[in-house]
Amino acid sequence: MYGELIVGINMLFNYIILSFANKVGPIQASRGRLLLASFAGALPVVVFPSSTFVIFLSFFGMTVCAFGAASQKWRRSASVALIGGLFAGGALTAIPLRFGTVNETLWVLAYASAAYVSLAYMRKKWLDIRTASQLADMRAPSTLRIWGAEMEVEVFVDSGNACMEPLSGSPVHFVSFQAVESHIPEPLRQPLLDWNPAQTGTLAEFPDPYRKNMRLIRLMTVQGQSWALGFKFDQWMLDDGEVLQPGYIVLTQNDRRYPEGAAAILHRSAMESINRERRTRHAV
């Protein structure tokens, strides 16, 4: 009975660690497979508790049973499991949960709960970092040329931005007004500030030299329909020389939804340019 209890305790902690690796790593296994792997990792350690070789062998067998033997993905999942085990072990060492004559069952449950909570916290932080990293991959410095001026703009590709200029079908990008304000020609500034997006309006109030490169663009949002001014840019080049296809920019005053550090949200068609740039950079 005592042996079965020790195996069960080891299985519990193995399952907590494997569940962490299952959610963070590249392979998602079923719950039944994780239970089987937990048992495969617990049994040898209980039978041969003082053998370092058996400990390593049981970890290897446990992770292969849970995540398969595909070398690259197994290494990644096994590494995550190892990190999770070390983190949970360190957390349990630092937390003095055993006091006096506490019932052993409560002691085990308390430690298991502490391990689960510590790994849940680590998983959240890990996924937050991964999300931030993925977002960073969609960001890039760029140079925007418009109105006879060049300006440095940090851009972000939004896969949900499918806005198109209706006549030409050109992509529409959204740029922070503050990012380009100092480059806006003086004849454009006041008509632009007086523009009312709630009304269809016309372009008659804008100077002739700029009007030919402007378009009225209808925007549909959760707040309803509005009209925006689209300005055709001369060129938009990413930091590694990749040039975006011709299109229009819409200036926005409210930049709260822009990712931190970005001054422009690109149309989703720019994603291929960003990805091509990343592939080129990684291949060098």
C-alpha atoms as a PDB file:
ATOM      1  CA  MET A   1       0.000   0.000   0.000  1.00  0.00           C
ATOM      2  CA  TYR A   2       2.855   2.343   0.847  1.00  0.00           C
ATOM      3  CA  GLY A   3       4.496   1.739  -2.549  1.00  0.00           C
ATOM      4  CA  GLU A   4       1.276   2.511  -4.421  1.00  0.00           C
ATOM      5  CA  LEU A   5       0.946   5.744  -2.428  1.00  0.00           C
ATOM      6  CA  ILE A   6       4.468   6.880  -3.353  1.00  0.00           C
ATOM      7  CA  VAL A   7       3.838   6.036  -7.021  1.00  0.00           C
ATOM      8  CA  GLY A   8       0.590   8.020  -6.872  1.00  0.00           C
ATOM      9  CA  ILE A   9       2.326  11.061  -5.353  1.00  0.00           C
ATOM     10  CA  ASN A  10       5.041  10.959  -8.004  1.00  0.00           C
ATOM     11  CA  MET A  11       2.406  10.617 -10.712  1.00  0.00           C
ATOM     12  CA  LEU A  12       0.588  13.673  -9.373  1.00  0.00           C
ATOM     13  CA  PHE A  13       3.681  15.874  -9.557  1.00  0.00           C
ATOM     14  CA  ASN A  14       4.697  14.418 -12.935  1.00  0.00           C
ATOM     15  CA  TYR A  15       1.238  15.164 -14.313  1.00  0.00           C
ATOM     16  CA  ILE A  16       1.393  18.782 -13.094  1.00  0.00           C
ATOM     17  CA  ILE A  17       4.764  19.273 -14.814  1.00  0.00           C
ATOM     18  CA  LEU A  18       3.662  17.533 -18.032  1.00  0.00           C
ATOM     19  CA  SER A  19       0.457  19.590 -18.121  1.00  0.00           C
ATOM     20  CA  PHE A  20       2.563  22.733 -17.959  1.00  0.00           C
ATOM     21  CA  ALA A  21       4.783  21.535 -20.833  1.00  0.00           C
ATOM     22  CA  ASN A  22       1.685  20.430 -22.746  1.00  0.00           C
ATOM     23  CA  LYS A  23       0.227  23.942 -22.704  1.00  0.00           C
ATOM     24  CA  VAL A  24       3.453  25.855 -23.303  1.00  0.00           C
ATOM     25  CA  GLY A  25       5.365  23.506 -25.606  1.00  0.00           C
ATOM     26  CA  PRO A  26       4.844  22.782 -29.313  1.00  0.00           C
ATOM     27  CA  ILE A  27       2.989  19.470 -28.827  1.00  0.00           C
ATOM     28  CA  GLN A  28      -0.449  19.088 -27.213  1.00  0.00           C
ATOM     29  CA  ALA A  29      -1.077  15.542 -25.962  1.00  0.00           C
ATOM     30  CA  SER A  30      -4.322  14.071 -24.632  1.00  0.00           C
ATOM     31  CA  ARG A  31      -5.018  13.828 -20.912  1.00  0.00           C
ATOM     32  CA  GLY A  32      -4.887  10.030 -21.032  1.00  0.00           C
ATOM     33  CA  ARG A  33      -1.464  10.107 -22.634  1.00  0.00           C
ATOM     34  CA  LEU A  34      -0.211  12.497 -19.975  1.00  0.00           C
ATOM     35  CA  LEU A  35      -1.498  10.170 -17.237  1.00  0.00           C
ATOM     36  CA  LEU A  36       0.249   7.198 -18.844  1.00  0.00           C
ATOM     37  CA  ALA A  37       3.459   9.197 -19.167  1.00  0.00           C
ATOM     38  CA  SER A  38       3.188  10.302 -15.529  1.00  0.00           C
ATOM     39  CA  PHE A  39       2.993   6.659 -14.461  1.00  0.00           C
ATOM     40  CA  ALA A  40       5.905   5.713 -16.745  1.00  0.00           C
ATOM     41  CA  GLY A  41       8.007   8.400 -15.095  1.00  0.00           C
ATOM     42  CA  ALA A  42       6.964   7.599 -11.539  1.00  0.00           C
ATOM     43  CA  LEU A  43       7.384   3.825 -11.391  1.00  0.00           C
ATOM     44  CA  PRO A  44      11.156   3.517 -12.097  1.00  0.00           C
ATOM     45  CA  VAL A  45      11.999   6.283  -9.637  1.00  0.00           C
ATOM     46  CA  VAL A  46      10.037   4.561  -6.855  1.00  0.00           C
ATOM     47  CA  VAL A  47      11.654   1.179  -7.543  1.00  0.00           C
ATOM     48  CA  PHE A  48      15.198   2.609  -7.830  1.00  0.00           C
ATOM     49  CA  PRO A  49      15.049   5.872  -5.816  1.00  0.00           C
ATOM     50  CA  SER A  50      18.811   6.349  -5.380  1.00  0.00           C
ATOM     51  CA  SER A  51      19.903   5.830  -9.005  1.00  0.00           C
ATOM     52  CA  THR A  52      20.714   8.994 -10.912  1.00  0.00           C
ATOM     53  CA  PHE A  53      20.737   7.033 -14.155  1.00  0.00           C
ATOM     54  CA  VAL A  54      17.202   5.777 -13.511  1.00  0.00           C
ATOM     55  CA  ILE A  55      16.029   9.336 -12.803  1.00  0.00           C
ATOM     56  CA  PHE A  56      17.316  10.541 -16.160  1.00  0.00           C
ATOM     57  CA  LEU A  57      15.975   7.434 -17.891  1.00  0.00           C
ATOM     58  CA  SER A  58      12.511   7.877 -16.342  1.00  0.00           C
ATOM     59  CA  PHE A  59      12.424  11.540 -17.397  1.00  0.00           C
ATOM     60  CA  PHE A  60      13.372  10.551 -20.937  1.00  0.00           C
ATOM     61  CA  GLY A  61      10.743   7.803 -21.049  1.00  0.00           C
ATOM     62  CA  MET A  62       8.084  10.023 -19.515  1.00  0.00           C
ATOM     63  CA  THR A  63       8.560  12.863 -22.013  1.00  0.00           C
ATOM     64  CA  VAL A  64       8.794  10.520 -25.011  1.00  0.00           C
ATOM     65  CA  CYS A  65       5.601   8.784 -23.884  1.00  0.00           C
ATOM     66  CA  ALA A  66       3.854  12.165 -23.531  1.00  0.00           C
ATOM     67  CA  PHE A  67       5.151  14.041 -26.560  1.00  0.00           C
ATOM     68  CA  GLY A  68       6.464  11.403 -28.972  1.00  0.00           C
ATOM     69  CA  ALA A  69       9.940  10.766 -30.312  1.00  0.00           C
ATOM     70  CA  ALA A  70      10.125  13.427 -33.043  1.00  0.00           C
ATOM     71  CA  SER A  71      13.545  14.785 -32.111  1.00  0.00           C
ATOM     72  CA  GLN A  72      13.105  18.531 -32.550  1.00  0.00           C
ATOM     73  CA  LYS A  73       9.632  18.865 -31.019  1.00  0.00           C
ATOM     74  CA  TRP A  74      10.475  16.352 -28.272  1.00  0.00           C
ATOM     75  CA  ARG A  75      13.567  18.364 -27.307  1.00  0.00           C
ATOM     76  CA  ARG A  76      11.515  21.527 -27.056  1.00  0.00           C
ATOM     77  CA  SER A  77       8.752  19.905 -24.995  1.00  0.00           C
ATOM     78  CA  ALA A  78      11.243  18.050 -22.796  1.00  0.00           C
ATOM     79  CA  SER A  79      13.155  21.285 -22.196  1.00  0.00           C
ATOM     80  CA  VAL A  80       9.941  23.025 -21.136  1.00  0.00           C
ATOM     81  CA  ALA A  81       9.113  20.111 -18.797  1.00  0.00           C
ATOM     82  CA  LEU A  82      12.599  20.282 -17.282  1.00  0.00           C
ATOM     83  CA  ILE A  83      12.330  24.029 -16.738  1.00  0.00           C
ATOM     84  CA  GLY A  84       8.878  23.567 -15.208  1.00  0.00           C
ATOM     85  CA  GLY A  85      10.172  20.836 -12.879  1.00  0.00           C
ATOM     86  CA  LEU A  86      13.102  22.964 -11.728  1.00  0.00           C
ATOM     87  CA  PHE A  87      10.876  26.001 -11.225  1.00  0.00           C
ATOM     88  CA  ALA A  88       8.262  24.046  -9.256  1.00  0.00           C
ATOM     89  CA  GLY A  89      10.973  22.347  -7.191  1.00  0.00           C
ATOM     90  CA  GLY A  90      12.542  25.676  -6.375  1.00  0.00           C
ATOM     91  CA  ALA A  91       9.168  27.161  -5.442  1.00  0.00           C
ATOM     92  CA  LEU A  92       8.384  24.220  -3.127  1.00  0.00           C
ATOM     93  CA  THR A  93      11.781  24.498  -1.465  1.00  0.00           C
ATOM     94  CA  ALA A  94      11.211  28.192  -0.815  1.00  0.00           C
ATOM     95  CA  ILE A  95       7.706  27.748   0.651  1.00  0.00           C
ATOM     96  CA  PRO A  96       7.655  26.210   4.159  1.00  0.00           C
ATOM     97  CA  LEU A  97       4.329  24.401   3.916  1.00  0.00           C
ATOM     98  CA  ARG A  98       4.915  21.633   6.441  1.00  0.00           C
ATOM     99  CA  PHE A  99       4.177  22.679  10.013  1.00  0.00           C
ATOM    100  CA  GLY A 100       4.117  20.466  13.102  1.00  0.00           C
ATOM    101  CA  THR A 101       2.006  17.324  12.873  1.00  0.00           C
ATOM    102  CA  VAL A 102      -0.023  18.147   9.779  1.00  0.00           C
ATOM    103  CA  ASN A 103      -1.815  15.171   8.243  1.00  0.00           C
ATOM    104  CA  GLU A 104       0.347  13.692   5.461  1.00  0.00           C
ATOM    105  CA  THR A 105      -2.501  13.752   2.945  1.00  0.00           C
ATOM    106  CA  LEU A 106      -2.995  17.472   3.532  1.00  0.00           C
ATOM    107  CA  TRP A 107       0.754  17.968   3.267  1.00  0.00           C
ATOM    108  CA  VAL A 108       0.855  16.298  -0.164  1.00  0.00           C
ATOM    109  CA  LEU A 109      -2.180  18.228  -1.382  1.00  0.00           C
ATOM    110  CA  ALA A 110      -0.685  21.501  -0.143  1.00  0.00           C
ATOM    111  CA  TYR A 111       2.572  20.908  -1.982  1.00  0.00           C
ATOM    112  CA  ALA A 112       0.779  19.757  -5.133  1.00  0.00           C
ATOM    113  CA  SER A 113      -1.397  22.890  -5.025  1.00  0.00           C
ATOM    114  CA  ALA A 114       1.687  25.068  -4.578  1.00  0.00           C
ATOM    115  CA  ALA A 115       3.374  23.369  -7.544  1.00  0.00           C
ATOM    116  CA  TYR A 116       0.272  23.817  -9.697  1.00  0.00           C
ATOM    117  CA  VAL A 117      -0.148  27.489  -8.769  1.00  0.00           C
ATOM    118  CA  SER A 118       3.534  28.289  -9.338  1.00  0.00           C
ATOM    119  CA  LEU A 119       3.514  26.622 -12.764  1.00  0.00           C
ATOM    120  CA  ALA A 120       0.210  28.276 -13.702  1.00  0.00           C
ATOM    121  CA  TYR A 121       1.783  31.641 -12.899  1.00  0.00           C
ATOM    122  CA  MET A 122       4.883  30.747 -14.915  1.00  0.00           C
ATOM    123  CA  ARG A 123       2.731  29.558 -17.827  1.00  0.00           C
ATOM    124  CA  LYS A 124       0.875  32.876 -17.928  1.00  0.00           C
ATOM    125  CA  LYS A 125       4.117  34.858 -17.973  1.00  0.00           C
ATOM    126  CA  TRP A 126       5.625  32.536 -20.575  1.00  0.00           C
ATOM    127  CA  LEU A 127       2.637  32.925 -22.898  1.00  0.00           C
ATOM    128  CA  ASP A 128       2.629  36.696 -22.362  1.00  0.00           C
ATOM    129  CA  ILE A 129       6.279  36.837 -23.450  1.00  0.00           C
ATOM    130  CA  ARG A 130       5.549  34.622 -26.452  1.00  0.00           C
ATOM    131  CA  THR A 131       2.656  36.861 -27.488  1.00  0.00           C
ATOM    132  CA  ALA A 132       4.821  39.954 -27.141  1.00  0.00           C
ATOM    133  CA  SER A 133       7.512  38.268 -29.232  1.00  0.00           C
ATOM    134  CA  GLN A 134       5.024  37.375 -31.957  1.00  0.00           C
ATOM    135  CA  LEU A 135       3.732  40.933 -32.007  1.00  0.00           C
ATOM    136  CA  ALA A 136       7.285  42.237 -32.202  1.00  0.00           C
ATOM    137  CA  ASP A 137       7.802  40.134 -35.335  1.00  0.00           C
ATOM    138  CA  MET A 138       4.998  42.097 -36.983  1.00  0.00           C
ATOM    139  CA  ARG A 139       6.680  45.420 -36.200  1.00  0.00           C
ATOM    140  CA  ALA A 140       9.362  47.145 -38.242  1.00  0.00           C
ATOM    141  CA  PRO A 141      10.948  50.563 -38.720  1.00  0.00           C
ATOM    142  CA  SER A 142      10.073  52.217 -42.008  1.00  0.00           C
ATOM    143  CA  THR A 143      10.458  55.370 -44.056  1.00  0.00           C
ATOM    144  CA  LEU A 144       7.302  57.017 -45.380  1.00  0.00           C
ATOM    145  CA  ARG A 145       7.581  59.489 -48.252  1.00  0.00           C
ATOM    146  CA  ILE A 146       4.601  61.786 -48.753  1.00  0.00           C
ATOM    147  CA  TRP A 147       3.972  65.495 -49.414  1.00  0.00           C
ATOM    148  CA  GLY A 148       7.571  65.844 -50.593  1.00  0.00           C
ATOM    149  CA  ALA A 149       8.932  64.842 -47.175  1.00  0.00           C
ATOM    150  CA  GLU A 150      10.399  61.689 -45.647  1.00  0.00           C
ATOM    151  CA  MET A 151       9.615  60.558 -42.114  1.00  0.00           C
ATOM    152  CA  GLU A 152      10.643  57.629 -39.927  1.00  0.00           C
ATOM    153  CA  VAL A 153       7.621  55.599 -38.793  1.00  0.00           C
ATOM    154  CA  GLU A 154       7.473  52.482 -36.617  1.00  0.00           C
ATOM    155  CA  VAL A 155       4.840  50.254 -38.236  1.00  0.00           C
ATOM    156  CA  PHE A 156       2.729  47.294 -37.141  1.00  0.00           C
ATOM    157  CA  VAL A 157       0.927  44.880 -39.466  1.00  0.00           C
ATOM    158  CA  ASP A 158      -2.681  44.219 -38.464  1.00  0.00           C
ATOM    159  CA  SER A 159      -4.078  41.034 -39.997  1.00  0.00           C
ATOM    160  CA  GLY A 160      -7.566  42.408 -39.352  1.00  0.00           C
ATOM    161  CA  ASN A 161      -7.068  45.555 -41.413  1.00  0.00           C
ATOM    162  CA  ALA A 162      -8.640  44.836 -44.808  1.00  0.00           C
ATOM    163  CA  CYS A 163      -9.590  48.422 -45.645  1.00  0.00           C
ATOM    164  CA  MET A 164      -9.258  49.209 -49.364  1.00  0.00           C
ATOM    165  CA  GLU A 165      -9.626  52.358 -51.435  1.00  0.00           C
ATOM    166  CA  PRO A 166     -12.813  51.522 -53.408  1.00  0.00           C
ATOM    167  CA  LEU A 167     -11.850  52.868 -56.840  1.00  0.00           C
ATOM    168  CA  SER A 168      -8.332  51.501 -57.209  1.00  0.00           C
ATOM    169  CA  GLY A 169      -8.501  48.622 -54.718  1.00  0.00           C
ATOM    170  CA  SER A 170      -5.279  49.902 -53.148  1.00  0.00           C
ATOM    171  CA  PRO A 171      -4.593  49.072 -49.485  1.00  0.00           C
ATOM    172  CA  VAL A 172      -5.320  51.668 -46.815  1.00  0.00           C
ATOM    173  CA  HIS A 173      -2.968  52.090 -43.859  1.00  0.00           C
ATOM    174  CA  PHE A 174      -3.677  54.012 -40.664  1.00  0.00           C
ATOM    175  CA  VAL A 175      -1.085  56.479 -39.382  1.00  0.00           C
ATOM    176  CA  SER A 176      -0.945  58.462 -36.169  1.00  0.00           C
ATOM    177  CA  PHE A 177      -1.630  62.139 -36.804  1.00  0.00           C
ATOM    178  CA  GLN A 178       0.980  63.056 -34.195  1.00  0.00           C
ATOM    179  CA  ALA A 179       3.653  61.013 -36.012  1.00  0.00           C
ATOM    180  CA  VAL A 180       3.386  63.054 -39.222  1.00  0.00           C
ATOM    181  CA  GLU A 181       1.990  66.340 -37.915  1.00  0.00           C
ATOM    182  CA  SER A 182       5.222  68.292 -38.374  1.00  0.00           C
ATOM    183  CA  HIS A 183       5.388  67.217 -42.041  1.00  0.00           C
ATOM    184  CA  ILE A 184       1.825  68.149 -43.017  1.00  0.00           C
ATOM    185  CA  PRO A 185       1.907  71.052 -45.502  1.00  0.00           C
ATOM    186  CA  GLU A 186       0.464  74.217 -44.062  1.00  0.00           C
ATOM    187  CA  PRO A 187      -2.301  74.564 -46.719  1.00  0.00           C
ATOM    188  CA  LEU A 188      -3.555  71.104 -45.744  1.00  0.00           C
ATOM    189  CA  ARG A 189      -3.429  71.536 -41.987  1.00  0.00           C
ATOM    190  CA  GLN A 190      -6.502  73.642 -41.287  1.00  0.00           C
ATOM    191  CA  PRO A 191      -8.879  71.915 -43.763  1.00  0.00           C
ATOM    192  CA  LEU A 192      -7.732  68.614 -42.292  1.00  0.00           C
ATOM    193  CA  LEU A 193      -8.420  69.732 -38.722  1.00  0.00           C
ATOM    194  CA  ASP A 194     -11.839  71.073 -39.775  1.00  0.00           C
ATOM    195  CA  TRP A 195     -12.832  67.790 -41.441  1.00  0.00           C
ATOM    196  CA  ASN A 196     -15.982  66.195 -39.982  1.00  0.00           C
ATOM    197  CA  PRO A 197     -15.885  62.373 -40.394  1.00  0.00           C
ATOM    198  CA  ALA A 198     -19.599  62.084 -39.605  1.00  0.00           C
ATOM    199  CA  GLN A 199     -20.505  63.844 -42.856  1.00  0.00           C
ATOM    200  CA  THR A 200     -19.780  62.669 -46.380  1.00  0.00           C
ATOM    201  CA  GLY A 201     -18.517  66.046 -47.462  1.00  0.00           C
ATOM    202  CA  THR A 202     -16.371  66.741 -50.508  1.00  0.00           C
ATOM    203  CA  LEU A 203     -12.749  67.499 -51.178  1.00  0.00           C
ATOM    204  CA  ALA A 204     -13.531  70.994 -52.501  1.00  0.00           C
ATOM    205  CA  GLU A 205     -12.101  72.686 -49.386  1.00  0.00           C
ATOM    206  CA  PHE A 206      -8.665  71.172 -49.952  1.00  0.00           C
ATOM    207  CA  PRO A 207      -6.066  72.881 -52.179  1.00  0.00           C
ATOM    208  CA  ASP A 208      -5.894  71.701 -55.803  1.00  0.00           C
ATOM    209  CA  PRO A 209      -2.261  70.500 -55.771  1.00  0.00           C
ATOM    210  CA  TYR A 210      -3.111  67.938 -53.047  1.00  0.00           C
ATOM    211  CA  ARG A 211      -6.659  67.050 -54.024  1.00  0.00           C
ATOM    212  CA  LYS A 212      -5.671  64.786 -56.927  1.00  0.00           C
ATOM    213  CA  ASN A 213      -3.899  62.428 -54.490  1.00  0.00           C
ATOM    214  CA  MET A 214      -6.787  62.321 -52.008  1.00  0.00           C
ATOM    215  CA  ARG A 215      -9.753  59.973 -51.794  1.00  0.00           C
ATOM    216  CA  LEU A 216     -12.863  59.707 -49.618  1.00  0.00           C
ATOM    217  CA  ILE A 217     -12.812  56.348 -47.849  1.00  0.00           C
ATOM    218  CA  ARG A 218     -15.820  54.947 -46.045  1.00  0.00           C
ATOM    219  CA  LEU A 219     -15.046  53.222 -42.756  1.00  0.00           C
ATOM    220  CA  MET A 220     -17.368  50.728 -41.084  1.00  0.00           C
ATOM    221  CA  THR A 221     -16.771  50.268 -37.348  1.00  0.00           C
ATOM    222  CA  VAL A 222     -18.763  49.100 -34.336  1.00  0.00           C
ATOM    223  CA  GLN A 223     -19.657  52.760 -33.766  1.00  0.00           C
ATOM    224  CA  GLY A 224     -21.197  52.941 -37.234  1.00  0.00           C
ATOM    225  CA  GLN A 225     -20.247  54.444 -40.578  1.00  0.00           C
ATOM    226  CA  SER A 226     -17.862  57.343 -41.023  1.00  0.00           C
ATOM    227  CA  TRP A 227     -15.802  58.922 -43.760  1.00  0.00           C
ATOM    228  CA  ALA A 228     -12.056  59.354 -43.743  1.00  0.00           C
ATOM    229  CA  LEU A 229      -9.548  61.183 -45.888  1.00  0.00           C
ATOM    230  CA  GLY A 230      -7.105  58.969 -47.748  1.00  0.00           C
ATOM    231  CA  PHE A 231      -3.787  60.429 -48.881  1.00  0.00           C
ATOM    232  CA  LYS A 232      -1.785  58.634 -51.549  1.00  0.00           C
ATOM    233  CA  PHE A 233       1.814  58.219 -50.441  1.00  0.00           C
ATOM    234  CA  ASP A 234       4.781  58.431 -52.793  1.00  0.00           C
ATOM    235  CA  GLN A 235       6.687  55.512 -51.335  1.00  0.00           C
ATOM    236  CA  TRP A 236       6.782  53.429 -48.162  1.00  0.00           C
ATOM    237  CA  MET A 237       9.952  51.453 -47.521  1.00  0.00           C
ATOM    238  CA  LEU A 238      10.656  49.043 -44.665  1.00  0.00           C
ATOM    239  CA  ASP A 239      14.002  49.153 -42.890  1.00  0.00           C
ATOM    240  CA  ASP A 240      15.554  46.417 -45.055  1.00  0.00           C
ATOM    241  CA  GLY A 241      14.580  48.028 -48.351  1.00  0.00           C
ATOM    242  CA  GLU A 242      11.299  46.182 -48.978  1.00  0.00           C
ATOM    243  CA  VAL A 243       8.859  48.614 -50.632  1.00  0.00           C
ATOM    244  CA  LEU A 244       5.128  48.357 -49.935  1.00  0.00           C
ATOM    245  CA  GLN A 245       2.737  48.383 -52.846  1.00  0.00           C
ATOM    246  CA  PRO A 246       1.130  51.757 -53.695  1.00  0.00           C
ATOM    247  CA  GLY A 247      -1.670  52.754 -51.362  1.00  0.00           C
ATOM    248  CA  TYR A 248      -3.225  55.388 -49.124  1.00  0.00           C
ATOM    249  CA  ILE A 249      -2.878  56.501 -45.546  1.00  0.00           C
ATOM    250  CA  VAL A 250      -5.614  57.664 -43.199  1.00  0.00           C
ATOM    251  CA  LEU A 251      -4.569  59.884 -40.307  1.00  0.00           C
ATOM    252  CA  THR A 252      -6.041  59.083 -36.885  1.00  0.00           C
ATOM    253  CA  GLN A 253      -6.177  61.217 -33.780  1.00  0.00           C
ATOM    254  CA  ASN A 254      -7.057  58.399 -31.360  1.00  0.00           C
ATOM    255  CA  ASP A 255      -3.992  56.150 -31.076  1.00  0.00           C
ATOM    256  CA  ARG A 256      -4.963  54.147 -27.985  1.00  0.00           C
ATOM    257  CA  ARG A 257      -5.333  50.919 -29.975  1.00  0.00           C
ATOM    258  CA  TYR A 258      -1.929  51.198 -31.590  1.00  0.00           C
ATOM    259  CA  PRO A 259       0.570  48.667 -30.224  1.00  0.00           C
ATOM    260  CA  GLU A 260       3.175  50.205 -27.939  1.00  0.00           C
ATOM    261  CA  GLY A 261       5.873  51.941 -29.928  1.00  0.00           C
ATOM    262  CA  ALA A 262       4.029  51.827 -33.253  1.00  0.00           C
ATOM    263  CA  ALA A 263       2.900  54.934 -35.105  1.00  0.00           C
ATOM    264  CA  ALA A 264       1.162  53.198 -38.007  1.00  0.00           C
ATOM    265  CA  ILE A 265      -1.052  50.155 -38.559  1.00  0.00           C
ATOM    266  CA  LEU A 266      -0.424  48.638 -41.959  1.00  0.00           C
ATOM    267  CA  HIS A 267      -2.904  46.851 -44.185  1.00  0.00           C
ATOM    268  CA  ARG A 268      -2.721  43.053 -43.946  1.00  0.00           C
ATOM    269  CA  SER A 269      -1.258  42.880 -47.462  1.00  0.00           C
ATOM    270  CA  ALA A 270       1.979  44.229 -45.964  1.00  0.00           C
ATOM    271  CA  MET A 271       2.351  41.037 -43.924  1.00  0.00           C
ATOM    272  CA  GLU A 272       4.024  39.265 -46.840  1.00  0.00           C
ATOM    273  CA  SER A 273       6.543  42.089 -47.093  1.00  0.00           C
ATOM    274  CA  ILE A 274       7.283  41.865 -43.369  1.00  0.00           C
ATOM    275  CA  ASN A 275       7.617  38.071 -43.521  1.00  0.00           C
ATOM    276  CA  ARG A 276       9.860  38.273 -46.603  1.00  0.00           C
ATOM    277  CA  GLU A 277      12.047  40.759 -44.792  1.00  0.00           C
ATOM    278  CA  ARG A 278      12.275  38.492 -41.736  1.00  0.00           C
ATOM    279  CA  ARG A 279      13.158  35.460 -43.857  1.00  0.00           C
ATOM    280  CA  THR A 280      15.893  37.434 -45.629  1.00  0.00           C
ATOM    281  CA  ARG A 281      17.287  38.655 -42.340  1.00  0.00           C
ATOM    282  CA  HIS A 282      17.365  35.170 -40.828  1.00  0.00           C
ATOM    283  CA  ALA A 283      19.026  33.737 -43.922  1.00  0.00           C
ATOM    284  CA  VAL A 284      21.930  36.175 -43.870  1.00  0.00           C
END
